[in-house]
């Protein structure tokens, strides 16, 4: 193998991992499930009451950022702090991918002095950069493996 070729990582399931799957529930409609009992409806853009796969990708990133930053935010602003993280990004229809995703973390920092506000913003960035698995995965350009089998 040359240095230009990358060997795909072993992505077999670890003991204790949550099982994830989607099942077709209609024409261009799927339900995503996990082994803890959660469900999410997935469909095409324009279909009511479902998320598109691209929307789920952005929500996963925003949710991961929120969870990574939550301890720092609540430490400085209290356990009842209101936080909203917006995620956006237009798809490149020619390449059929999202070339960039933008996040905006909205939180009221008015109770903090300028130095504390700057310290918290830096801590939030470091926490997300260090602990948001979704963001780190996207930054690293994860490989994807698909196996098609005849079994369910």
Protein backbone atom coordinates (compact mmCIF):
# COMPACT_ATOMS: atom_id res chain seq x y z
CA UNK A 1 0.00 0.00 0.00
CA UNK A 2 1.39 3.41 -0.93
CA UNK A 3 1.38 6.35 1.43
CA UNK A 4 -1.33 7.96 -0.73
CA UNK A 5 -3.76 5.09 -0.08
CA UNK A 6 -5.64 5.11 3.20
CA UNK A 7 -6.86 1.94 4.78
CA UNK A 8 -10.42 2.27 6.05
CA UNK A 9 -10.67 2.04 9.83
CA UNK A 10 -12.37 -0.90 11.47
CA UNK A 11 -15.85 0.39 12.27
CA UNK A 12 -17.30 -2.74 13.78
CA UNK A 13 -19.59 -2.22 16.73
CA UNK A 14 -18.06 -2.02 20.20
CA UNK A 15 -19.75 -3.74 23.12
CA UNK A 16 -22.20 -1.30 24.67
CA UNK A 17 -22.62 0.85 21.55
CA UNK A 18 -26.12 2.05 20.81
CA UNK A 19 -27.56 0.31 17.78
CA UNK A 20 -28.81 2.69 15.09
CA UNK A 21 -30.90 1.90 12.03
CA UNK A 22 -33.45 3.31 9.62
CA UNK A 23 -36.46 1.50 8.23
CA UNK A 24 -38.43 2.44 5.14
CA UNK A 25 -41.92 3.52 6.19
CA UNK A 26 -43.19 4.89 2.89
CA UNK A 27 -42.16 6.33 -0.44
CA UNK A 28 -38.99 8.34 0.30
CA UNK A 29 -39.81 8.13 4.02
CA UNK A 30 -37.77 6.41 6.71
CA UNK A 31 -37.85 6.22 10.48
CA UNK A 32 -34.51 6.35 12.27
CA UNK A 33 -34.31 4.41 15.51
CA UNK A 34 -31.87 3.61 18.27
CA UNK A 35 -31.76 0.77 20.75
CA UNK A 36 -32.78 3.17 23.55
CA UNK A 37 -36.22 3.65 21.98
CA UNK A 38 -35.85 7.04 20.29
CA UNK A 39 -37.25 7.71 16.82
CA UNK A 40 -36.85 10.41 14.21
CA UNK A 41 -38.81 10.78 10.96
CA UNK A 42 -36.66 11.22 7.85
CA UNK A 43 -37.80 12.26 4.40
CA UNK A 44 -37.24 14.54 1.47
CA UNK A 45 -37.06 18.31 1.78
CA UNK A 46 -40.57 19.69 1.44
CA UNK A 47 -42.28 16.77 3.17
CA UNK A 48 -44.09 17.96 6.30
CA UNK A 49 -43.18 16.73 9.81
CA UNK A 50 -39.90 15.06 8.85
CA UNK A 51 -36.22 15.97 8.88
CA UNK A 52 -34.13 15.66 5.74
CA UNK A 53 -30.80 13.85 6.16
CA UNK A 54 -28.96 17.15 5.65
CA UNK A 55 -31.03 18.80 8.37
CA UNK A 56 -30.22 15.93 10.71
CA UNK A 57 -26.51 16.36 9.98
CA UNK A 58 -26.71 20.04 10.91
CA UNK A 59 -28.82 19.34 13.99
CA UNK A 60 -26.36 16.64 15.08
CA UNK A 61 -23.53 19.17 14.83
CA UNK A 62 -25.46 21.87 16.71
CA UNK A 63 -26.57 19.42 19.40
CA UNK A 64 -23.05 18.10 19.82
CA UNK A 65 -21.69 21.63 20.16
CA UNK A 66 -24.32 22.41 22.77
CA UNK A 67 -23.57 19.32 24.80
CA UNK A 68 -19.81 19.95 24.60
CA UNK A 69 -20.21 23.55 25.79
CA UNK A 70 -23.00 22.97 28.31
CA UNK A 71 -20.87 22.58 31.45
CA UNK A 72 -18.96 25.81 30.77
CA UNK A 73 -22.11 27.76 29.94
CA UNK A 74 -24.03 26.58 32.99
CA UNK A 75 -21.01 27.12 35.27
CA UNK A 76 -20.77 30.79 34.25
CA UNK A 77 -24.44 31.54 33.59
CA UNK A 78 -26.40 29.15 35.81
CA UNK A 79 -28.12 25.81 35.35
CA UNK A 80 -31.19 27.44 33.80
CA UNK A 81 -29.27 29.29 31.06
CA UNK A 82 -31.15 29.60 27.75
CA UNK A 83 -29.00 28.47 24.82
CA UNK A 84 -29.95 28.14 21.17
CA UNK A 85 -27.55 26.88 18.53
CA UNK A 86 -28.49 27.57 14.95
CA UNK A 87 -26.93 25.53 12.14
CA UNK A 88 -27.09 26.39 8.47
CA UNK A 89 -25.39 25.61 5.23
CA UNK A 90 -26.46 25.50 1.62
CA UNK A 91 -25.89 22.34 -0.34
CA UNK A 92 -23.78 22.33 -3.48
CA UNK A 93 -26.20 20.67 -5.89
CA UNK A 94 -23.49 19.89 -8.46
CA UNK A 95 -21.38 18.01 -5.90
CA UNK A 96 -24.41 16.84 -3.86
CA UNK A 97 -22.80 17.76 -0.55
CA UNK A 98 -22.57 20.53 2.04
CA UNK A 99 -19.26 22.34 1.50
CA UNK A 100 -19.65 24.37 4.70
CA UNK A 101 -21.86 24.44 7.77
CA UNK A 102 -22.15 27.52 9.97
CA UNK A 103 -23.16 27.48 13.61
CA UNK A 104 -24.36 30.36 15.76
CA UNK A 105 -24.52 29.87 19.52
CA UNK A 106 -27.02 32.36 20.93
CA UNK A 107 -26.76 33.03 24.67
CA UNK A 108 -27.25 36.15 26.80
CA UNK A 109 -23.82 37.21 28.09
CA UNK A 110 -24.92 40.66 29.29
CA UNK A 111 -24.51 39.76 32.98
CA UNK A 112 -20.78 39.15 32.47
CA UNK A 113 -18.05 41.77 32.40
CA UNK A 114 -15.99 42.03 29.20
CA UNK A 115 -13.06 39.93 30.48
CA UNK A 116 -15.30 37.15 31.80
CA UNK A 117 -17.34 37.18 28.60
CA UNK A 118 -14.18 36.76 26.50
CA UNK A 119 -12.91 33.98 28.81
CA UNK A 120 -16.22 32.10 28.51
CA UNK A 121 -16.29 32.45 24.72
CA UNK A 122 -12.76 31.02 24.55
CA UNK A 123 -13.69 28.17 26.89
CA UNK A 124 -16.77 27.37 24.81
CA UNK A 125 -14.69 27.22 21.62
CA UNK A 126 -12.08 24.99 23.29
CA UNK A 127 -14.74 22.67 24.75
CA UNK A 128 -16.43 22.26 21.37
CA UNK A 129 -13.12 21.80 19.53
CA UNK A 130 -12.05 19.15 22.05
CA UNK A 131 -15.28 17.31 22.79
CA UNK A 132 -17.76 17.66 19.91
CA UNK A 133 -17.39 14.28 18.24
CA UNK A 134 -19.60 15.25 15.30
CA UNK A 135 -17.58 18.37 14.52
CA UNK A 136 -14.28 16.55 14.96
CA UNK A 137 -15.53 13.79 12.64
CA UNK A 138 -16.57 16.27 9.96
CA UNK A 139 -13.26 18.14 10.27
CA UNK A 140 -11.30 14.92 9.88
CA UNK A 141 -13.29 13.76 6.85
CA UNK A 142 -14.52 10.38 8.08
CA UNK A 143 -14.61 7.46 5.72
CA UNK A 144 -17.91 5.67 5.10
CA UNK A 145 -18.30 1.97 4.37
CA UNK A 146 -21.49 0.43 2.98
CA UNK A 147 -22.14 -3.30 2.79
CA UNK A 148 -25.27 -4.55 1.03
CA UNK A 149 -26.61 -7.84 2.34
CA UNK A 150 -29.69 -9.94 1.69
CA UNK A 151 -30.48 -10.26 5.41
CA UNK A 152 -32.39 -7.97 7.72
